[in-house]
Amino acid sequence: MVHCKSNEDAKEIAKQIEGQIDVHEYRILFSSREFKKTRVEYFIEHEFEIEKPITA
């Protein structure tokens, strides 16, 4: 996967990769739209407490 600002840039990178790995038949898949990027929160501190005392 490569990320480029233009299709021409992506094609140029594909040509460079083609020369390095000796593959001459390939297809390039371009995105038709860009989705909003959001940061993934794996651990949300306020949702749990670490080492919370257990009361009986």
N, C-alpha and C. Protein backbone atom coordinates (compact mmCIF):
# COMPACT_ATOMS: atom_id res chain seq x y z
N MET A 1 0.85 -1.16 0.00
CA MET A 1 0.00 0.00 0.00
C MET A 1 0.90 1.23 0.00
N VAL A 2 0.54 2.18 -0.82
CA VAL A 2 1.25 3.45 -0.83
C VAL A 2 0.23 4.58 -0.73
N HIS A 3 0.65 5.66 -0.15
CA HIS A 3 -0.19 6.84 -0.02
C HIS A 3 0.48 7.97 -0.78
N CYS A 4 -0.24 8.56 -1.72
CA CYS A 4 0.31 9.63 -2.55
C CYS A 4 -0.71 10.74 -2.71
N LYS A 5 -0.22 11.89 -3.12
CA LYS A 5 -1.12 13.02 -3.35
C LYS A 5 -1.78 12.97 -4.71
N SER A 6 -1.20 12.23 -5.65
CA SER A 6 -1.79 12.15 -6.99
C SER A 6 -1.64 10.74 -7.55
N ASN A 7 -2.46 10.42 -8.54
CA ASN A 7 -2.37 9.11 -9.19
C ASN A 7 -1.03 8.96 -9.91
N GLU A 8 -0.52 10.06 -10.45
CA GLU A 8 0.76 10.02 -11.15
C GLU A 8 1.90 9.65 -10.19
N ASP A 9 1.85 10.20 -8.98
CA ASP A 9 2.86 9.85 -7.97
C ASP A 9 2.79 8.36 -7.64
N ALA A 10 1.58 7.83 -7.51
CA ALA A 10 1.41 6.41 -7.19
C ALA A 10 1.93 5.54 -8.32
N LYS A 11 1.68 5.94 -9.56
CA LYS A 11 2.17 5.17 -10.70
C LYS A 11 3.70 5.17 -10.74
N GLU A 12 4.30 6.28 -10.40
CA GLU A 12 5.77 6.37 -10.37
C GLU A 12 6.34 5.45 -9.30
N ILE A 13 5.73 5.43 -8.14
CA ILE A 13 6.19 4.53 -7.07
C ILE A 13 6.01 3.08 -7.48
N ALA A 14 4.89 2.77 -8.14
CA ALA A 14 4.65 1.40 -8.61
C ALA A 14 5.73 0.98 -9.60
N LYS A 15 6.15 1.89 -10.47
CA LYS A 15 7.23 1.58 -11.42
C LYS A 15 8.54 1.30 -10.69
N GLN A 16 8.81 2.06 -9.65
CA GLN A 16 10.03 1.84 -8.87
C GLN A 16 9.99 0.47 -8.19
N ILE A 17 8.84 0.13 -7.61
CA ILE A 17 8.69 -1.17 -6.95
C ILE A 17 8.81 -2.29 -7.97
N GLU A 18 8.20 -2.11 -9.14
CA GLU A 18 8.27 -3.11 -10.21
C GLU A 18 9.72 -3.45 -10.54
N GLY A 19 10.56 -2.44 -10.64
CA GLY A 19 11.96 -2.68 -10.95
C GLY A 19 12.71 -3.38 -9.84
N GLN A 20 12.32 -3.14 -8.61
CA GLN A 20 13.02 -3.72 -7.47
C GLN A 20 12.64 -5.18 -7.23
N ILE A 21 11.39 -5.55 -7.50
CA ILE A 21 10.95 -6.92 -7.19
C ILE A 21 10.77 -7.77 -8.45
N ASP A 22 11.04 -7.20 -9.63
CA ASP A 22 10.99 -7.93 -10.89
C ASP A 22 9.61 -8.53 -11.16
N VAL A 23 8.57 -7.75 -10.94
CA VAL A 23 7.19 -8.14 -11.27
C VAL A 23 6.71 -7.17 -12.33
N HIS A 24 6.25 -7.70 -13.46
CA HIS A 24 5.89 -6.82 -14.57
C HIS A 24 4.39 -6.79 -14.86
N GLU A 25 3.64 -7.69 -14.27
CA GLU A 25 2.18 -7.67 -14.43
C GLU A 25 1.56 -7.34 -13.09
N TYR A 26 0.90 -6.20 -13.01
CA TYR A 26 0.26 -5.78 -11.77
C TYR A 26 -0.85 -4.79 -12.09
N ARG A 27 -1.70 -4.57 -11.13
CA ARG A 27 -2.76 -3.57 -11.24
C ARG A 27 -2.69 -2.65 -10.04
N ILE A 28 -3.04 -1.41 -10.27
CA ILE A 28 -3.06 -0.43 -9.19
C ILE A 28 -4.51 -0.12 -8.87
N LEU A 29 -4.86 -0.22 -7.61
CA LEU A 29 -6.21 0.09 -7.15
C LEU A 29 -6.17 1.47 -6.49
N PHE A 30 -6.93 2.40 -7.04
CA PHE A 30 -7.00 3.75 -6.49
C PHE A 30 -8.28 3.92 -5.69
N SER A 31 -8.22 4.64 -4.61
CA SER A 31 -9.41 4.94 -3.82
C SER A 31 -10.28 5.92 -4.58
N SER A 32 -11.59 5.75 -4.46
CA SER A 32 -12.50 6.67 -5.14
C SER A 32 -12.93 7.81 -4.22
N ARG A 33 -12.78 7.60 -2.91
CA ARG A 33 -13.07 8.67 -1.97
C ARG A 33 -12.28 8.43 -0.69
N GLU A 34 -12.17 9.47 0.11
CA GLU A 34 -11.42 9.39 1.36
C GLU A 34 -12.39 9.51 2.52
N PHE A 35 -12.26 8.61 3.47
CA PHE A 35 -13.11 8.63 4.65
C PHE A 35 -12.45 9.47 5.73
N LYS A 36 -13.27 10.00 6.63
CA LYS A 36 -12.74 10.80 7.72
C LYS A 36 -11.85 9.93 8.60
N LYS A 37 -10.69 10.45 8.90
CA LYS A 37 -9.75 9.72 9.74
C LYS A 37 -9.96 10.11 11.20
N THR A 38 -10.10 9.11 12.04
CA THR A 38 -10.23 9.37 13.47
C THR A 38 -9.24 8.49 14.21
N ARG A 39 -8.74 8.97 15.30
CA ARG A 39 -7.78 8.22 16.10
C ARG A 39 -8.53 7.16 16.90
N VAL A 40 -8.01 5.95 16.89
CA VAL A 40 -8.61 4.85 17.63
C VAL A 40 -8.15 4.93 19.08
N GLU A 41 -9.09 4.84 20.01
CA GLU A 41 -8.75 4.82 21.43
C GLU A 41 -8.87 3.39 21.92
N TYR A 42 -7.74 2.75 22.17
CA TYR A 42 -7.74 1.37 22.62
C TYR A 42 -8.04 1.27 24.11
N PHE A 43 -7.50 2.17 24.89
CA PHE A 43 -7.72 2.16 26.33
C PHE A 43 -8.21 3.55 26.73
N ILE A 44 -9.40 3.60 27.24
CA ILE A 44 -9.96 4.88 27.67
C ILE A 44 -9.89 4.92 29.18
N GLU A 45 -9.04 5.80 29.69
CA GLU A 45 -8.70 5.82 31.11
C GLU A 45 -9.91 6.03 32.01
N HIS A 46 -10.85 6.87 31.59
CA HIS A 46 -11.97 7.18 32.47
C HIS A 46 -13.03 6.07 32.51
N GLU A 47 -12.90 5.02 31.70
CA GLU A 47 -13.90 3.96 31.69
C GLU A 47 -13.59 2.83 32.67
N PHE A 48 -12.41 2.77 33.20
CA PHE A 48 -12.08 1.75 34.19
C PHE A 48 -10.97 2.26 35.09
N GLU A 49 -10.87 1.65 36.24
CA GLU A 49 -9.82 2.03 37.19
C GLU A 49 -8.89 0.85 37.39
N ILE A 50 -7.61 1.11 37.27
CA ILE A 50 -6.61 0.07 37.47
C ILE A 50 -6.38 -0.10 38.97
N GLU A 51 -6.31 -1.35 39.41
CA GLU A 51 -6.08 -1.70 40.81
C GLU A 51 -7.12 -1.07 41.73
N LYS A 52 -8.37 -1.16 41.33
CA LYS A 52 -9.47 -0.67 42.16
C LYS A 52 -9.68 -1.66 43.31
N PRO A 53 -9.76 -1.18 44.54
CA PRO A 53 -9.97 -2.09 45.67
C PRO A 53 -11.32 -2.81 45.56
N ILE A 54 -11.32 -4.08 45.93
CA ILE A 54 -12.54 -4.88 45.90
C ILE A 54 -13.17 -4.82 47.29
N THR A 55 -14.42 -4.43 47.33
CA THR A 55 -15.14 -4.38 48.62
C THR A 55 -16.15 -5.51 48.66
N ALA A 56 -16.26 -6.14 49.83
CA ALA A 56 -17.15 -7.29 49.97
C ALA A 56 -18.51 -6.91 50.49
